[in-house]
Amino acid sequence: MVTQGRAIVITKHDAPKAVIISYEEFQTLAERGEHQLDTLRAEFDELLSSMQNSKARAGMKAAFTASPVQLGLAAVAARKKRR
């Protein structure tokens, strides 16, 4: 079967279960997903790199050793800064 320009929805008990699309549409979607993944990977690598210093390590150590009360106060203070 050859279809051009439209998607075919496959249902089971009137609920959509799968879609058949053209190979060109599939390629476009796959490339878009790969591009987004590359962008996220680059952003993560940049963030991780920026955290590799003594100030960031000290901050993480303080966060992991903080009491629940200290964490609550820090969350409230951070929220006030965003307003």
N, C-alpha and C. Protein backbone atom coordinates (compact mmCIF):
# COMPACT_ATOMS: atom_id res chain seq x y z
N MET A 1 0.84 -1.17 0.00
CA MET A 1 0.00 0.00 0.00
C MET A 1 0.88 1.24 0.00
N VAL A 2 0.58 2.21 -0.80
CA VAL A 2 1.33 3.45 -0.87
C VAL A 2 0.38 4.60 -0.55
N THR A 3 0.76 5.40 0.43
CA THR A 3 -0.02 6.60 0.74
C THR A 3 0.92 7.79 0.73
N GLN A 4 0.42 8.90 0.30
CA GLN A 4 1.24 10.10 0.27
C GLN A 4 0.50 11.25 0.94
N GLY A 5 1.22 11.93 1.86
CA GLY A 5 0.67 13.12 2.46
C GLY A 5 -0.33 12.93 3.57
N ARG A 6 -0.49 11.72 4.06
CA ARG A 6 -1.43 11.54 5.17
C ARG A 6 -0.95 10.41 6.07
N ALA A 7 -1.42 10.49 7.30
CA ALA A 7 -1.09 9.45 8.27
C ALA A 7 -2.26 8.51 8.41
N ILE A 8 -1.96 7.27 8.72
CA ILE A 8 -2.99 6.26 8.92
C ILE A 8 -2.95 5.86 10.40
N VAL A 9 -4.07 5.99 11.08
CA VAL A 9 -4.15 5.64 12.49
C VAL A 9 -4.71 4.23 12.63
N ILE A 10 -4.02 3.41 13.40
CA ILE A 10 -4.45 2.04 13.67
C ILE A 10 -5.05 2.03 15.07
N THR A 11 -6.27 1.52 15.17
CA THR A 11 -6.95 1.50 16.46
C THR A 11 -7.20 0.08 16.93
N LYS A 12 -7.42 -0.04 18.22
CA LYS A 12 -7.83 -1.31 18.83
C LYS A 12 -8.94 -0.95 19.81
N HIS A 13 -10.10 -1.49 19.56
CA HIS A 13 -11.28 -1.18 20.37
C HIS A 13 -11.53 0.33 20.40
N ASP A 14 -11.44 0.95 19.25
CA ASP A 14 -11.68 2.38 19.05
C ASP A 14 -10.67 3.30 19.74
N ALA A 15 -9.56 2.78 20.21
CA ALA A 15 -8.52 3.59 20.83
C ALA A 15 -7.29 3.59 19.93
N PRO A 16 -6.73 4.76 19.60
CA PRO A 16 -5.53 4.81 18.76
C PRO A 16 -4.37 4.04 19.39
N LYS A 17 -3.71 3.19 18.62
CA LYS A 17 -2.59 2.40 19.12
C LYS A 17 -1.31 2.62 18.34
N ALA A 18 -1.41 2.99 17.05
CA ALA A 18 -0.23 3.18 16.22
C ALA A 18 -0.58 4.11 15.06
N VAL A 19 0.46 4.68 14.46
CA VAL A 19 0.27 5.55 13.31
C VAL A 19 1.28 5.16 12.24
N ILE A 20 0.81 5.06 11.02
CA ILE A 20 1.69 4.82 9.88
C ILE A 20 1.89 6.16 9.19
N ILE A 21 3.16 6.56 9.05
CA ILE A 21 3.48 7.81 8.37
C ILE A 21 4.49 7.51 7.27
N SER A 22 4.68 8.48 6.40
CA SER A 22 5.64 8.29 5.32
C SER A 22 7.06 8.22 5.88
N TYR A 23 7.94 7.63 5.11
CA TYR A 23 9.33 7.54 5.53
C TYR A 23 9.94 8.93 5.67
N GLU A 24 9.58 9.85 4.79
CA GLU A 24 10.09 11.21 4.85
C GLU A 24 9.67 11.90 6.15
N GLU A 25 8.40 11.70 6.55
CA GLU A 25 7.94 12.28 7.81
C GLU A 25 8.69 11.66 9.00
N PHE A 26 8.91 10.37 8.93
CA PHE A 26 9.65 9.69 9.99
C PHE A 26 11.07 10.25 10.10
N GLN A 27 11.74 10.41 8.97
CA GLN A 27 13.11 10.95 8.96
C GLN A 27 13.14 12.34 9.57
N THR A 28 12.17 13.18 9.21
CA THR A 28 12.10 14.54 9.76
C THR A 28 11.96 14.50 11.27
N LEU A 29 11.06 13.66 11.76
CA LEU A 29 10.86 13.54 13.21
C LEU A 29 12.10 12.99 13.91
N ALA A 30 12.73 12.00 13.31
CA ALA A 30 13.92 11.39 13.91
C ALA A 30 15.07 12.39 13.98
N GLU A 31 15.26 13.16 12.91
CA GLU A 31 16.34 14.16 12.90
C GLU A 31 16.07 15.26 13.92
N ARG A 32 14.83 15.66 14.04
CA ARG A 32 14.47 16.70 15.02
C ARG A 32 14.77 16.21 16.43
N GLY A 33 14.42 14.97 16.71
CA GLY A 33 14.68 14.40 18.03
C GLY A 33 16.17 14.31 18.33
N GLU A 34 16.94 13.93 17.34
CA GLU A 34 18.39 13.82 17.50
C GLU A 34 18.99 15.20 17.77
N HIS A 35 18.51 16.22 17.07
CA HIS A 35 19.00 17.58 17.27
C HIS A 35 18.69 18.05 18.69
N GLN A 36 17.47 17.78 19.17
CA GLN A 36 17.10 18.18 20.53
C GLN A 36 17.95 17.46 21.56
N LEU A 37 18.24 16.19 21.32
CA LEU A 37 19.08 15.44 22.23
C LEU A 37 20.49 16.00 22.26
N ASP A 38 21.03 16.36 21.11
CA ASP A 38 22.36 16.97 21.05
C ASP A 38 22.39 18.29 21.82
N THR A 39 21.33 19.09 21.69
CA THR A 39 21.25 20.36 22.40
C THR A 39 21.21 20.14 23.91
N LEU A 40 20.39 19.21 24.36
CA LEU A 40 20.31 18.90 25.79
C LEU A 40 21.64 18.37 26.32
N ARG A 41 22.30 17.53 25.53
CA ARG A 41 23.60 16.99 25.94
C ARG A 41 24.63 18.10 26.11
N ALA A 42 24.64 19.05 25.19
CA ALA A 42 25.58 20.17 25.27
C ALA A 42 25.28 21.05 26.48
N GLU A 43 24.00 21.31 26.74
CA GLU A 43 23.63 22.11 27.90
C GLU A 43 24.03 21.42 29.20
N PHE A 44 23.82 20.10 29.27
CA PHE A 44 24.20 19.34 30.46
C PHE A 44 25.71 19.38 30.66
N ASP A 45 26.46 19.15 29.59
CA ASP A 45 27.92 19.17 29.70
C ASP A 45 28.43 20.52 30.16
N GLU A 46 27.82 21.59 29.65
CA GLU A 46 28.22 22.94 30.05
C GLU A 46 27.91 23.19 31.53
N LEU A 47 26.73 22.77 31.96
CA LEU A 47 26.35 22.93 33.37
C LEU A 47 27.27 22.13 34.28
N LEU A 48 27.52 20.89 33.91
CA LEU A 48 28.41 20.04 34.70
C LEU A 48 29.80 20.65 34.79
N SER A 49 30.30 21.15 33.69
CA SER A 49 31.62 21.77 33.66
C SER A 49 31.69 22.99 34.58
N SER A 50 30.61 23.78 34.57
CA SER A 50 30.59 24.98 35.41
C SER A 50 30.54 24.65 36.89
N MET A 51 30.13 23.43 37.22
CA MET A 51 30.03 23.02 38.62
C MET A 51 31.32 22.38 39.14
N GLN A 52 32.33 22.30 38.32
CA GLN A 52 33.57 21.64 38.72
C GLN A 52 34.54 22.65 39.30
N ASN A 53 34.18 23.26 40.42
CA ASN A 53 35.07 24.18 41.11
C ASN A 53 34.83 24.07 42.61
N SER A 54 35.71 24.68 43.39
CA SER A 54 35.63 24.53 44.84
C SER A 54 34.37 25.17 45.42
N LYS A 55 33.91 26.28 44.84
CA LYS A 55 32.69 26.93 45.35
C LYS A 55 31.48 26.03 45.16
N ALA A 56 31.36 25.41 43.99
CA ALA A 56 30.24 24.51 43.73
C ALA A 56 30.31 23.27 44.62
N ARG A 57 31.50 22.73 44.81
CA ARG A 57 31.66 21.56 45.69
C ARG A 57 31.25 21.91 47.12
N ALA A 58 31.65 23.09 47.60
CA ALA A 58 31.28 23.51 48.95
C ALA A 58 29.76 23.68 49.06
N GLY A 59 29.15 24.22 48.03
CA GLY A 59 27.70 24.39 48.04
C GLY A 59 26.97 23.06 48.08
N MET A 60 27.44 22.11 47.31
CA MET A 60 26.81 20.78 47.29
C MET A 60 27.00 20.07 48.64
N LYS A 61 28.19 20.22 49.21
CA LYS A 61 28.44 19.61 50.51
C LYS A 61 27.50 20.21 51.56
N ALA A 62 27.33 21.53 51.51
CA ALA A 62 26.43 22.19 52.47
C ALA A 62 24.99 21.72 52.26
N ALA A 63 24.57 21.56 51.00
CA ALA A 63 23.20 21.12 50.72
C ALA A 63 22.96 19.69 51.23
N PHE A 64 23.93 18.82 51.05
CA PHE A 64 23.75 17.43 51.47
C PHE A 64 23.87 17.23 52.98
N THR A 65 24.50 18.19 53.67
CA THR A 65 24.63 18.06 55.13
C THR A 65 23.65 18.98 55.87
N ALA A 66 22.83 19.72 55.13
CA ALA A 66 21.88 20.65 55.75
C ALA A 66 20.74 19.90 56.44
N SER A 67 20.23 20.52 57.48
CA SER A 67 19.07 19.95 58.18
C SER A 67 17.81 20.30 57.39
N PRO A 68 16.72 19.63 57.68
CA PRO A 68 15.45 19.97 57.00
C PRO A 68 15.06 21.44 57.21
N VAL A 69 15.30 21.97 58.39
CA VAL A 69 14.98 23.37 58.66
C VAL A 69 15.83 24.29 57.79
N GLN A 70 17.11 24.01 57.69
CA GLN A 70 18.00 24.82 56.85
C GLN A 70 17.57 24.75 55.38
N LEU A 71 17.19 23.57 54.91
CA LEU A 71 16.73 23.44 53.53
C LEU A 71 15.46 24.23 53.30
N GLY A 72 14.55 24.20 54.26
CA GLY A 72 13.31 24.97 54.15
C GLY A 72 13.57 26.46 54.08
N LEU A 73 14.45 26.95 54.94
CA LEU A 73 14.80 28.38 54.93
C LEU A 73 15.45 28.78 53.60
N ALA A 74 16.30 27.92 53.08
CA ALA A 74 16.97 28.20 51.80
C ALA A 74 15.95 28.24 50.67
N ALA A 75 14.97 27.34 50.70
CA ALA A 75 13.94 27.31 49.66
C ALA A 75 13.10 28.58 49.70
N VAL A 76 12.75 29.03 50.90
CA VAL A 76 11.97 30.26 51.03
C VAL A 76 12.77 31.46 50.53
N ALA A 77 14.04 31.52 50.89
CA ALA A 77 14.90 32.63 50.46
C ALA A 77 15.05 32.63 48.93
N ALA A 78 15.21 31.46 48.33
CA ALA A 78 15.35 31.36 46.87
C ALA A 78 14.07 31.81 46.18
N ARG A 79 12.94 31.46 46.74
CA ARG A 79 11.65 31.85 46.16
C ARG A 79 11.47 33.36 46.22
N LYS A 80 11.87 33.97 47.32
CA LYS A 80 11.76 35.43 47.45
C LYS A 80 12.64 36.14 46.42
N LYS A 81 13.81 35.57 46.11
CA LYS A 81 14.71 36.17 45.11
C LYS A 81 14.11 36.15 43.72
N ARG A 82 13.29 35.16 43.41
CA ARG A 82 12.71 35.01 42.06
C ARG A 82 11.56 35.98 41.81
N ARG A 83 10.99 36.55 42.82
CA ARG A 83 9.85 37.45 42.66
C ARG A 83 10.26 38.77 42.16
